[in-house]
Amino acid sequence: MWIPASFGGDPAAGRPHTFLELLSLSFNNLSATGLGDIVPLTPPARVLVMLEQFAGVAYIAVVVSRLVGMTIVRYRGKGTS
Protein backbone atom coordinates (compact mmCIF):
# COMPACT_ATOMS: atom_id res chain seq x y z
CA MET A 1 0.00 0.00 0.00
CA TRP A 2 2.88 2.38 0.74
CA ILE A 3 4.79 1.70 -2.46
CA PRO A 4 2.53 0.21 -5.15
CA ALA A 5 3.95 -2.40 -7.55
CA SER A 6 6.69 -3.41 -5.07
CA PHE A 7 5.91 -7.09 -5.50
CA GLY A 8 5.39 -8.97 -8.74
CA GLY A 9 5.37 -12.39 -10.29
CA ASP A 10 1.64 -12.96 -10.04
CA PRO A 11 -0.03 -14.20 -13.24
CA ALA A 12 -2.88 -11.70 -12.79
CA ALA A 13 -0.65 -8.65 -13.25
CA GLY A 14 -2.19 -5.26 -12.81
CA ARG A 15 -4.29 -6.03 -9.76
CA PRO A 16 -3.10 -5.47 -6.19
CA HIS A 17 -2.05 -8.50 -4.19
CA THR A 18 -4.53 -9.76 -1.64
CA PHE A 19 -3.77 -10.05 2.05
CA LEU A 20 -3.65 -13.84 1.77
CA GLU A 21 -1.09 -13.70 -1.06
CA LEU A 22 1.17 -11.38 0.94
CA LEU A 23 0.68 -13.49 4.07
CA SER A 24 1.83 -16.51 2.06
CA LEU A 25 4.93 -14.58 0.97
CA SER A 26 5.59 -13.64 4.58
CA PHE A 27 5.24 -17.24 5.78
CA ASN A 28 7.58 -18.47 3.06
CA ASN A 29 10.18 -15.90 4.07
CA LEU A 30 9.93 -16.51 7.81
CA SER A 31 10.22 -20.27 7.36
CA ALA A 32 13.13 -19.85 4.91
CA THR A 33 11.48 -22.04 2.29
CA GLY A 34 11.88 -19.53 -0.54
CA LEU A 35 9.99 -16.72 -2.17
CA GLY A 36 7.25 -18.68 -3.90
CA ASP A 37 5.13 -17.03 -6.58
CA ILE A 38 5.50 -13.43 -5.44
CA VAL A 39 8.88 -11.71 -5.71
CA PRO A 40 10.07 -8.27 -4.51
CA LEU A 41 10.68 -5.86 -7.37
CA THR A 42 11.79 -2.60 -5.75
CA PRO A 43 14.79 -2.04 -3.45
CA PRO A 44 12.63 -1.24 -0.36
CA ALA A 45 10.64 -4.45 -0.91
CA ARG A 46 13.87 -6.45 -1.23
CA VAL A 47 15.18 -4.96 2.01
CA LEU A 48 11.92 -5.84 3.75
CA VAL A 49 12.12 -9.44 2.49
CA MET A 50 15.77 -9.74 3.60
CA LEU A 51 14.95 -8.44 7.09
CA GLU A 52 12.04 -10.84 7.36
CA GLN A 53 14.20 -13.79 6.29
CA PHE A 54 16.83 -12.82 8.87
CA ALA A 55 14.15 -12.50 11.57
CA GLY A 56 12.80 -15.96 10.72
CA VAL A 57 16.21 -17.62 10.93
CA ALA A 58 17.07 -15.71 14.14
CA TYR A 59 13.77 -16.75 15.72
CA ILE A 60 14.45 -20.42 15.01
CA ALA A 61 17.97 -20.05 16.45
CA VAL A 62 16.59 -18.50 19.64
CA VAL A 63 13.94 -21.21 20.06
CA VAL A 64 16.45 -24.03 19.52
CA SER A 65 19.00 -22.50 21.90
CA ARG A 66 16.30 -22.04 24.54
CA LEU A 67 15.25 -25.69 24.23
CA VAL A 68 18.87 -26.84 24.48
CA GLY A 69 19.38 -24.62 27.54
CA MET A 70 16.29 -26.03 29.24
CA THR A 71 17.48 -29.57 28.52
CA ILE A 72 20.92 -28.89 30.02
CA VAL A 73 19.43 -27.34 33.16
CA ARG A 74 17.06 -30.30 33.59
CA TYR A 75 19.90 -32.81 33.09
CA ARG A 76 22.15 -31.03 35.64
CA GLY A 77 19.30 -30.86 38.14
CA LYS A 78 18.75 -34.62 38.01
CA GLY A 79 22.43 -35.45 38.39
CA THR A 80 22.94 -33.47 41.63
CA SER A 81 20.12 -35.00 43.67
PDB file of N, CA and C in Angstrom:
ATOM      1  N   MET A   1       0.825  -1.195   0.000  1.00  0.00           N
ATOM      2  CA  MET A   1       0.000   0.000   0.000  1.00  0.00           C
ATOM      3  C   MET A   1       0.870   1.259   0.000  1.00  0.00           C
ATOM      4  N   TRP A   2       2.021   1.195   0.685  1.00  0.00           N
ATOM      5  CA  TRP A   2       2.884   2.380   0.736  1.00  0.00           C
ATOM      6  C   TRP A   2       3.580   2.627  -0.590  1.00  0.00           C
ATOM      7  N   ILE A   3       4.100   1.572  -1.180  1.00  0.00           N
ATOM      8  CA  ILE A   3       4.791   1.696  -2.461  1.00  0.00           C
ATOM      9  C   ILE A   3       4.160   0.693  -3.421  1.00  0.00           C
ATOM     10  N   PRO A   4       3.213   1.139  -4.231  1.00  0.00           N
ATOM     11  CA  PRO A   4       2.526   0.212  -5.148  1.00  0.00           C
ATOM     12  C   PRO A   4       3.500  -0.437  -6.129  1.00  0.00           C
ATOM     13  N   ALA A   5       3.175  -1.617  -6.574  1.00  0.00           N
ATOM     14  CA  ALA A   5       3.950  -2.396  -7.547  1.00  0.00           C
ATOM     15  C   ALA A   5       5.317  -2.801  -6.994  1.00  0.00           C
ATOM     16  N   SER A   6       5.426  -2.972  -5.666  1.00  0.00           N
ATOM     17  CA  SER A   6       6.685  -3.410  -5.067  1.00  0.00           C
ATOM     18  C   SER A   6       6.894  -4.905  -5.221  1.00  0.00           C
ATOM     19  N   PHE A   7       5.826  -5.644  -5.374  1.00  0.00           N
ATOM     20  CA  PHE A   7       5.912  -7.093  -5.503  1.00  0.00           C
ATOM     21  C   PHE A   7       5.288  -7.510  -6.822  1.00  0.00           C
ATOM     22  N   GLY A   8       5.891  -8.496  -7.454  1.00  0.00           N
ATOM     23  CA  GLY A   8       5.388  -8.965  -8.745  1.00  0.00           C
ATOM     24  C   GLY A   8       5.484 -10.471  -8.830  1.00  0.00           C
ATOM     25  N   GLY A   9       5.283 -10.966 -10.049  1.00  0.00           N
ATOM     26  CA  GLY A   9       5.375 -12.389 -10.286  1.00  0.00           C
ATOM     27  C   GLY A   9       4.034 -13.082 -10.295  1.00  0.00           C
ATOM     28  N   ASP A  10       2.977 -12.362 -10.049  1.00  0.00           N
ATOM     29  CA  ASP A  10       1.641 -12.957 -10.043  1.00  0.00           C
ATOM     30  C   ASP A  10       1.120 -13.014 -11.475  1.00  0.00           C
ATOM     31  N   PRO A  11       0.490 -14.121 -11.869  1.00  0.00           N
ATOM     32  CA  PRO A  11      -0.029 -14.200 -13.237  1.00  0.00           C
ATOM     33  C   PRO A  11      -1.087 -13.149 -13.554  1.00  0.00           C
ATOM     34  N   ALA A  12      -1.843 -12.712 -12.558  1.00  0.00           N
ATOM     35  CA  ALA A  12      -2.882 -11.696 -12.794  1.00  0.00           C
ATOM     36  C   ALA A  12      -2.274 -10.314 -12.558  1.00  0.00           C
ATOM     37  N   ALA A  13      -1.333  -9.944 -13.409  1.00  0.00           N
ATOM     38  CA  ALA A  13      -0.645  -8.653 -13.250  1.00  0.00           C
ATOM     39  C   ALA A  13      -1.628  -7.503 -13.414  1.00  0.00           C
ATOM     40  N   GLY A  14      -1.351  -6.441 -12.714  1.00  0.00           N
ATOM     41  CA  GLY A  14      -2.194  -5.262 -12.809  1.00  0.00           C
ATOM     42  C   GLY A  14      -3.145  -5.098 -11.643  1.00  0.00           C
ATOM     43  N   ARG A  15      -3.413  -6.160 -10.913  1.00  0.00           N
ATOM     44  CA  ARG A  15      -4.292  -6.029  -9.756  1.00  0.00           C
ATOM     45  C   ARG A  15      -3.441  -6.071  -8.487  1.00  0.00           C
ATOM     46  N   PRO A  16      -3.866  -5.411  -7.434  1.00  0.00           N
ATOM     47  CA  PRO A  16      -3.095  -5.468  -6.186  1.00  0.00           C
ATOM     48  C   PRO A  16      -3.150  -6.859  -5.567  1.00  0.00           C
ATOM     49  N   HIS A  17      -2.089  -7.203  -4.862  1.00  0.00           N
ATOM     50  CA  HIS A  17      -2.045  -8.504  -4.193  1.00  0.00           C
ATOM     51  C   HIS A  17      -2.996  -8.501  -3.002  1.00  0.00           C
ATOM     52  N   THR A  18      -3.618  -9.636  -2.771  1.00  0.00           N
ATOM     53  CA  THR A  18      -4.528  -9.758  -1.641  1.00  0.00           C
ATOM     54  C   THR A  18      -3.734  -9.984  -0.357  1.00  0.00           C
ATOM     55  N   PHE A  19      -4.411  -9.830   0.758  1.00  0.00           N
ATOM     56  CA  PHE A  19      -3.772 -10.051   2.054  1.00  0.00           C
ATOM     57  C   PHE A  19      -3.261 -11.480   2.167  1.00  0.00           C
ATOM     58  N   LEU A  20      -4.039 -12.432   1.693  1.00  0.00           N
ATOM     59  CA  LEU A  20      -3.648 -13.836   1.772  1.00  0.00           C
ATOM     60  C   LEU A  20      -2.399 -14.119   0.936  1.00  0.00           C
ATOM     61  N   GLU A  21      -2.283 -13.514  -0.225  1.00  0.00           N
ATOM     62  CA  GLU A  21      -1.088 -13.698  -1.056  1.00  0.00           C
ATOM     63  C   GLU A  21       0.155 -13.146  -0.352  1.00  0.00           C
ATOM     64  N   LEU A  22       0.032 -11.971   0.237  1.00  0.00           N
ATOM     65  CA  LEU A  22       1.166 -11.385   0.938  1.00  0.00           C
ATOM     66  C   LEU A  22       1.472 -12.124   2.231  1.00  0.00           C
ATOM     67  N   LEU A  23       0.458 -12.670   2.887  1.00  0.00           N
ATOM     68  CA  LEU A  23       0.683 -13.495   4.070  1.00  0.00           C
ATOM     69  C   LEU A  23       1.433 -14.767   3.692  1.00  0.00           C
ATOM     70  N   SER A  24       1.116 -15.331   2.557  1.00  0.00           N
ATOM     71  CA  SER A  24       1.831 -16.508   2.064  1.00  0.00           C
ATOM     72  C   SER A  24       3.292 -16.166   1.798  1.00  0.00           C
ATOM     73  N   LEU A  25       3.557 -15.026   1.187  1.00  0.00           N
ATOM     74  CA  LEU A  25       4.932 -14.579   0.966  1.00  0.00           C
ATOM     75  C   LEU A  25       5.660 -14.419   2.291  1.00  0.00           C
ATOM     76  N   SER A  26       4.995 -13.837   3.273  1.00  0.00           N
ATOM     77  CA  SER A  26       5.589 -13.643   4.582  1.00  0.00           C
ATOM     78  C   SER A  26       5.914 -14.972   5.249  1.00  0.00           C
ATOM     79  N   PHE A  27       5.002 -15.920   5.191  1.00  0.00           N
ATOM     80  CA  PHE A  27       5.236 -17.240   5.782  1.00  0.00           C
ATOM     81  C   PHE A  27       6.401 -17.941   5.104  1.00  0.00           C
ATOM     82  N   ASN A  28       6.469 -17.856   3.784  1.00  0.00           N
ATOM     83  CA  ASN A  28       7.582 -18.473   3.055  1.00  0.00           C
ATOM     84  C   ASN A  28       8.914 -17.859   3.462  1.00  0.00           C
ATOM     85  N   ASN A  29       8.938 -16.558   3.674  1.00  0.00           N
ATOM     86  CA  ASN A  29      10.183 -15.897   4.069  1.00  0.00           C
ATOM     87  C   ASN A  29      10.577 -16.243   5.492  1.00  0.00           C
ATOM     88  N   LEU A  30       9.616 -16.228   6.411  1.00  0.00           N
ATOM     89  CA  LEU A  30       9.935 -16.514   7.806  1.00  0.00           C
ATOM     90  C   LEU A  30      10.371 -17.958   8.007  1.00  0.00           C
ATOM     91  N   SER A  31       9.844 -18.869   7.220  1.00  0.00           N
ATOM     92  CA  SER A  31      10.220 -20.271   7.360  1.00  0.00           C
ATOM     93  C   SER A  31      11.427 -20.629   6.493  1.00  0.00           C
ATOM     94  N   ALA A  32      11.948 -19.669   5.757  1.00  0.00           N
ATOM     95  CA  ALA A  32      13.133 -19.846   4.909  1.00  0.00           C
ATOM     96  C   ALA A  32      12.938 -20.934   3.863  1.00  0.00           C
ATOM     97  N   THR A  33      11.738 -21.043   3.329  1.00  0.00           N
ATOM     98  CA  THR A  33      11.479 -22.036   2.293  1.00  0.00           C
ATOM     99  C   THR A  33      11.542 -21.442   0.896  1.00  0.00           C
ATOM    100  N   GLY A  34      11.755 -20.153   0.772  1.00  0.00           N
ATOM    101  CA  GLY A  34      11.876 -19.532  -0.539  1.00  0.00           C
ATOM    102  C   GLY A  34      10.821 -18.465  -0.753  1.00  0.00           C
ATOM    103  N   LEU A  35      10.890 -17.832  -1.898  1.00  0.00           N
ATOM    104  CA  LEU A  35       9.987 -16.721  -2.174  1.00  0.00           C
ATOM    105  C   LEU A  35       8.620 -17.163  -2.677  1.00  0.00           C
ATOM    106  N   GLY A  36       8.536 -18.252  -3.382  1.00  0.00           N
ATOM    107  CA  GLY A  36       7.250 -18.680  -3.898  1.00  0.00           C
ATOM    108  C   GLY A  36       6.882 -17.954  -5.180  1.00  0.00           C
ATOM    109  N   ASP A  37       5.611 -17.641  -5.352  1.00  0.00           N
ATOM    110  CA  ASP A  37       5.131 -17.033  -6.584  1.00  0.00           C
ATOM    111  C   ASP A  37       5.335 -15.522  -6.625  1.00  0.00           C
ATOM    112  N   ILE A  38       5.401 -14.888  -5.497  1.00  0.00           N
ATOM    113  CA  ILE A  38       5.499 -13.429  -5.440  1.00  0.00           C
ATOM    114  C   ILE A  38       6.946 -13.057  -5.127  1.00  0.00           C
ATOM    115  N   VAL A  39       7.494 -12.124  -5.892  1.00  0.00           N
ATOM    116  CA  VAL A  39       8.883 -11.706  -5.706  1.00  0.00           C
ATOM    117  C   VAL A  39       8.943 -10.198  -5.496  1.00  0.00           C
ATOM    118  N   PRO A  40       9.910  -9.713  -4.689  1.00  0.00           N
ATOM    119  CA  PRO A  40      10.070  -8.271  -4.510  1.00  0.00           C
ATOM    120  C   PRO A  40      10.700  -7.651  -5.757  1.00  0.00           C
ATOM    121  N   LEU A  41      10.177  -6.510  -6.170  1.00  0.00           N
ATOM    122  CA  LEU A  41      10.678  -5.857  -7.374  1.00  0.00           C
ATOM    123  C   LEU A  41      11.475  -4.595  -7.084  1.00  0.00           C
ATOM    124  N   THR A  42      11.124  -3.863  -6.049  1.00  0.00           N
ATOM    125  CA  THR A  42      11.791  -2.605  -5.747  1.00  0.00           C
ATOM    126  C   THR A  42      12.807  -2.797  -4.620  1.00  0.00           C
ATOM    127  N   PRO A  43      13.798  -1.917  -4.531  1.00  0.00           N
ATOM    128  CA  PRO A  43      14.786  -2.035  -3.449  1.00  0.00           C
ATOM    129  C   PRO A  43      14.177  -2.025  -2.045  1.00  0.00           C
ATOM    130  N   PRO A  44      13.208  -1.160  -1.707  1.00  0.00           N
ATOM    131  CA  PRO A  44      12.628  -1.238  -0.358  1.00  0.00           C
ATOM    132  C   PRO A  44      11.938  -2.576  -0.086  1.00  0.00           C
ATOM    133  N   ALA A  45      11.292  -3.149  -1.083  1.00  0.00           N
ATOM    134  CA  ALA A  45      10.643  -4.449  -0.908  1.00  0.00           C
ATOM    135  C   ALA A  45      11.680  -5.541  -0.703  1.00  0.00           C
ATOM    136  N   ARG A  46      12.799  -5.452  -1.406  1.00  0.00           N
ATOM    137  CA  ARG A  46      13.866  -6.447  -1.231  1.00  0.00           C
ATOM    138  C   ARG A  46      14.474  -6.357   0.166  1.00  0.00           C
ATOM    139  N   VAL A  47      14.657  -5.137   0.652  1.00  0.00           N
ATOM    140  CA  VAL A  47      15.182  -4.964   2.008  1.00  0.00           C
ATOM    141  C   VAL A  47      14.207  -5.548   3.025  1.00  0.00           C
ATOM    142  N   LEU A  48      12.927  -5.297   2.848  1.00  0.00           N
ATOM    143  CA  LEU A  48      11.917  -5.842   3.751  1.00  0.00           C
ATOM    144  C   LEU A  48      11.955  -7.367   3.756  1.00  0.00           C
ATOM    145  N   VAL A  49      12.073  -7.978   2.592  1.00  0.00           N
ATOM    146  CA  VAL A  49      12.121  -9.437   2.491  1.00  0.00           C
ATOM    147  C   VAL A  49      13.392  -9.966   3.157  1.00  0.00           C
ATOM    148  N   MET A  50      14.528  -9.296   2.964  1.00  0.00           N
ATOM    149  CA  MET A  50      15.772  -9.741   3.599  1.00  0.00           C
ATOM    150  C   MET A  50      15.677  -9.651   5.117  1.00  0.00           C
ATOM    151  N   LEU A  51      15.105  -8.578   5.639  1.00  0.00           N
ATOM    152  CA  LEU A  51      14.951  -8.441   7.087  1.00  0.00           C
ATOM    153  C   LEU A  51      14.023  -9.514   7.642  1.00  0.00           C
ATOM    154  N   GLU A  52      12.970  -9.821   6.897  1.00  0.00           N
ATOM    155  CA  GLU A  52      12.039 -10.842   7.356  1.00  0.00           C
ATOM    156  C   GLU A  52      12.687 -12.224   7.340  1.00  0.00           C
ATOM    157  N   GLN A  53      13.495 -12.509   6.330  1.00  0.00           N
ATOM    158  CA  GLN A  53      14.200 -13.787   6.294  1.00  0.00           C
ATOM    159  C   GLN A  53      15.178 -13.891   7.456  1.00  0.00           C
ATOM    160  N   PHE A  54      15.893 -12.823   7.740  1.00  0.00           N
ATOM    161  CA  PHE A  54      16.829 -12.820   8.874  1.00  0.00           C
ATOM    162  C   PHE A  54      16.074 -13.022  10.188  1.00  0.00           C
ATOM    163  N   ALA A  55      14.943 -12.357  10.339  1.00  0.00           N
ATOM    164  CA  ALA A  55      14.153 -12.502  11.568  1.00  0.00           C
ATOM    165  C   ALA A  55      13.652 -13.940  11.726  1.00  0.00           C
ATOM    166  N   GLY A  56      13.266 -14.585  10.646  1.00  0.00           N
ATOM    167  CA  GLY A  56      12.801 -15.961  10.716  1.00  0.00           C
ATOM    168  C   GLY A  56      13.905 -16.915  11.134  1.00  0.00           C
ATOM    169  N   VAL A  57      15.085 -16.755  10.572  1.00  0.00           N
ATOM    170  CA  VAL A  57      16.209 -17.617  10.932  1.00  0.00           C
ATOM    171  C   VAL A  57      16.643 -17.337  12.365  1.00  0.00           C
ATOM    172  N   ALA A  58      16.681 -16.067  12.770  1.00  0.00           N
ATOM    173  CA  ALA A  58      17.072 -15.713  14.138  1.00  0.00           C
ATOM    174  C   ALA A  58      16.067 -16.266  15.147  1.00  0.00           C
ATOM    175  N   TYR A  59      14.796 -16.223  14.825  1.00  0.00           N
ATOM    176  CA  TYR A  59      13.774 -16.746  15.725  1.00  0.00           C
ATOM    177  C   TYR A  59      13.964 -18.241  15.951  1.00  0.00           C
ATOM    178  N   ILE A  60      14.217 -18.978  14.881  1.00  0.00           N
ATOM    179  CA  ILE A  60      14.454 -20.417  15.010  1.00  0.00           C
ATOM    180  C   ILE A  60      15.702 -20.672  15.855  1.00  0.00           C
ATOM    181  N   ALA A  61      16.747 -19.884  15.667  1.00  0.00           N
ATOM    182  CA  ALA A  61      17.972 -20.050  16.453  1.00  0.00           C
ATOM    183  C   ALA A  61      17.708 -19.803  17.935  1.00  0.00           C
ATOM    184  N   VAL A  62      16.908 -18.793  18.246  1.00  0.00           N
ATOM    185  CA  VAL A  62      16.588 -18.498  19.643  1.00  0.00           C
ATOM    186  C   VAL A  62      15.765 -19.626  20.258  1.00  0.00           C
ATOM    187  N   VAL A  63      14.791 -20.129  19.540  1.00  0.00           N
ATOM    188  CA  VAL A  63      13.944 -21.207  20.062  1.00  0.00           C
ATOM    189  C   VAL A  63      14.774 -22.468  20.305  1.00  0.00           C
ATOM    190  N   VAL A  64      15.622 -22.833  19.359  1.00  0.00           N
ATOM    191  CA  VAL A  64      16.445 -24.033  19.518  1.00  0.00           C
ATOM    192  C   VAL A  64      17.421 -23.861  20.675  1.00  0.00           C
ATOM    193  N   SER A  65      18.061 -22.696  20.794  1.00  0.00           N
ATOM    194  CA  SER A  65      19.002 -22.498  21.899  1.00  0.00           C
ATOM    195  C   SER A  65      18.288 -22.510  23.240  1.00  0.00           C
ATOM    196  N   ARG A  66      17.082 -22.003  23.291  1.00  0.00           N
ATOM    197  CA  ARG A  66      16.299 -22.043  24.539  1.00  0.00           C
ATOM    198  C   ARG A  66      15.962 -23.488  24.915  1.00  0.00           C
ATOM    199  N   LEU A  67      15.557 -24.283  23.953  1.00  0.00           N
ATOM    200  CA  LEU A  67      15.253 -25.686  24.231  1.00  0.00           C
ATOM    201  C   LEU A  67      16.493 -26.446  24.689  1.00  0.00           C
ATOM    202  N   VAL A  68      17.629 -26.186  24.072  1.00  0.00           N
ATOM    203  CA  VAL A  68      18.875 -26.837  24.483  1.00  0.00           C
ATOM    204  C   VAL A  68      19.240 -26.403  25.901  1.00  0.00           C
ATOM    205  N   GLY A  69      19.090 -25.110  26.200  1.00  0.00           N
ATOM    206  CA  GLY A  69      19.383 -24.616  27.544  1.00  0.00           C
ATOM    207  C   GLY A  69      18.490 -25.242  28.597  1.00  0.00           C
ATOM    208  N   MET A  70      17.215 -25.400  28.297  1.00  0.00           N
ATOM    209  CA  MET A  70      16.292 -26.026  29.244  1.00  0.00           C
ATOM    210  C   MET A  70      16.651 -27.493  29.464  1.00  0.00           C
ATOM    211  N   THR A  71      17.083 -28.168  28.411  1.00  0.00           N
ATOM    212  CA  THR A  71      17.478 -29.574  28.521  1.00  0.00           C
ATOM    213  C   THR A  71      18.726 -29.713  29.389  1.00  0.00           C
ATOM    214  N   ILE A  72      19.686 -28.834  29.218  1.00  0.00           N
ATOM    215  CA  ILE A  72      20.918 -28.887  30.018  1.00  0.00           C
ATOM    216  C   ILE A  72      20.609 -28.632  31.485  1.00  0.00           C
ATOM    217  N   VAL A  73      19.781 -27.646  31.765  1.00  0.00           N
ATOM    218  CA  VAL A  73      19.426 -27.341  33.155  1.00  0.00           C
ATOM    219  C   VAL A  73      18.700 -28.525  33.781  1.00  0.00           C
ATOM    220  N   ARG A  74      17.792 -29.149  33.072  1.00  0.00           N
ATOM    221  CA  ARG A  74      17.058 -30.304  33.592  1.00  0.00           C
ATOM    222  C   ARG A  74      18.010 -31.468  33.851  1.00  0.00           C
ATOM    223  N   TYR A  75      18.949 -31.707  32.943  1.00  0.00           N
ATOM    224  CA  TYR A  75      19.903 -32.807  33.094  1.00  0.00           C
ATOM    225  C   TYR A  75      20.800 -32.568  34.314  1.00  0.00           C
ATOM    226  N   ARG A  76      21.299 -31.344  34.487  1.00  0.00           N
ATOM    227  CA  ARG A  76      22.145 -31.035  35.635  1.00  0.00           C
ATOM    228  C   ARG A  76      21.376 -31.129  36.944  1.00  0.00           C
ATOM    229  N   GLY A  77      20.118 -30.778  36.934  1.00  0.00           N
ATOM    230  CA  GLY A  77      19.301 -30.857  38.137  1.00  0.00           C
ATOM    231  C   GLY A  77      19.082 -32.291  38.581  1.00  0.00           C
ATOM    232  N   LYS A  78      18.957 -33.222  37.657  1.00  0.00           N
ATOM    233  CA  LYS A  78      18.749 -34.621  38.011  1.00  0.00           C
ATOM    234  C   LYS A  78      20.040 -35.282  38.510  1.00  0.00           C
ATOM    235  N   GLY A  79      21.174 -34.831  38.016  1.00  0.00           N
ATOM    236  CA  GLY A  79      22.429 -35.446  38.386  1.00  0.00           C
ATOM    237  C   GLY A  79      22.916 -35.067  39.770  1.00  0.00           C
ATOM    238  N   THR A  80      22.462 -33.935  40.327  1.00  0.00           N
ATOM    239  CA  THR A  80      22.945 -33.474  41.627  1.00  0.00           C
ATOM    240  C   THR A  80      22.110 -33.994  42.782  1.00  0.00           C
ATOM    241  N   SER A  81      20.951 -34.558  42.548  1.00  0.00           N
ATOM    242  CA  SER A  81      20.117 -34.998  43.669  1.00  0.00           C
ATOM    243  C   SER A  81      20.316 -36.401  44.085  1.00  0.00           C
TER     244      SER A  81
END
